[in-house]
């Protein structure tokens, strides 16, 4: 009985936000999300946010007030880097999730939450479809913990005078706690393809291998190992 109670406590473990591990750089805490910044690439390593269905209140519209991050004191991206670059300013924590207040919405447009993203993929391709799926899962599961970010490498292209890295892939990891915890990852190419977003579903272990990030260090090793090695779209 004691073992069962401990297992139930572990599987129902919930946290407002995960704090991924494995990278070195400034961490910024905001009301809607937290991130760790990659000063070399002028991008986030990761952006983490916990969303409940009760957060999805349509109180405000997009603010579109893109701007540098006043809390980042190291080298960072500027608006001019994206101008005429051929890439969208792609949100990692999607603006459409933060309609509860103007502050939340506005903070989603800070450039530390943004990466250079292929326009088609961002606006109507696999990444956009994945964002729609993410929204559906928040409504369905009632609460989901999400981590998004770019996959960067030594051969990345750069844009702008601040040499902002253009990632080859953009990832998203979803975790649901409770009695039957589950997790799934996605590695979406940052170039035009006509594949459905489900074609890019992978295990969390695969995203960790691509990024060097440990996404859910708060979980017990047993649960983390079990939910990160495999994925099942049927659980979502």
Foldseek 3Di string as FASTA:
>chain_A
DVVVVVLQCQQQDDDQKFDKDQDDADWDDDPAWIFGADQLQQETLKIKGKFFPVQQDQQADAPLPAAEDPPHPGHHDGPQQPVVQQFDFAFFPDLNSRNNDPRSNVVSRHSNRTAGAHPCCRPPAQVVVVVVVVSVCNNVLRMKMKMKTAQDDPPFAATDPSGNGHGQWIKMKIWDGGPDIAIKMFTHGRYDDRDHRVVRIDFQVVVCVRSSIGGHPVHDPVVSVVRRHGHDPVVD
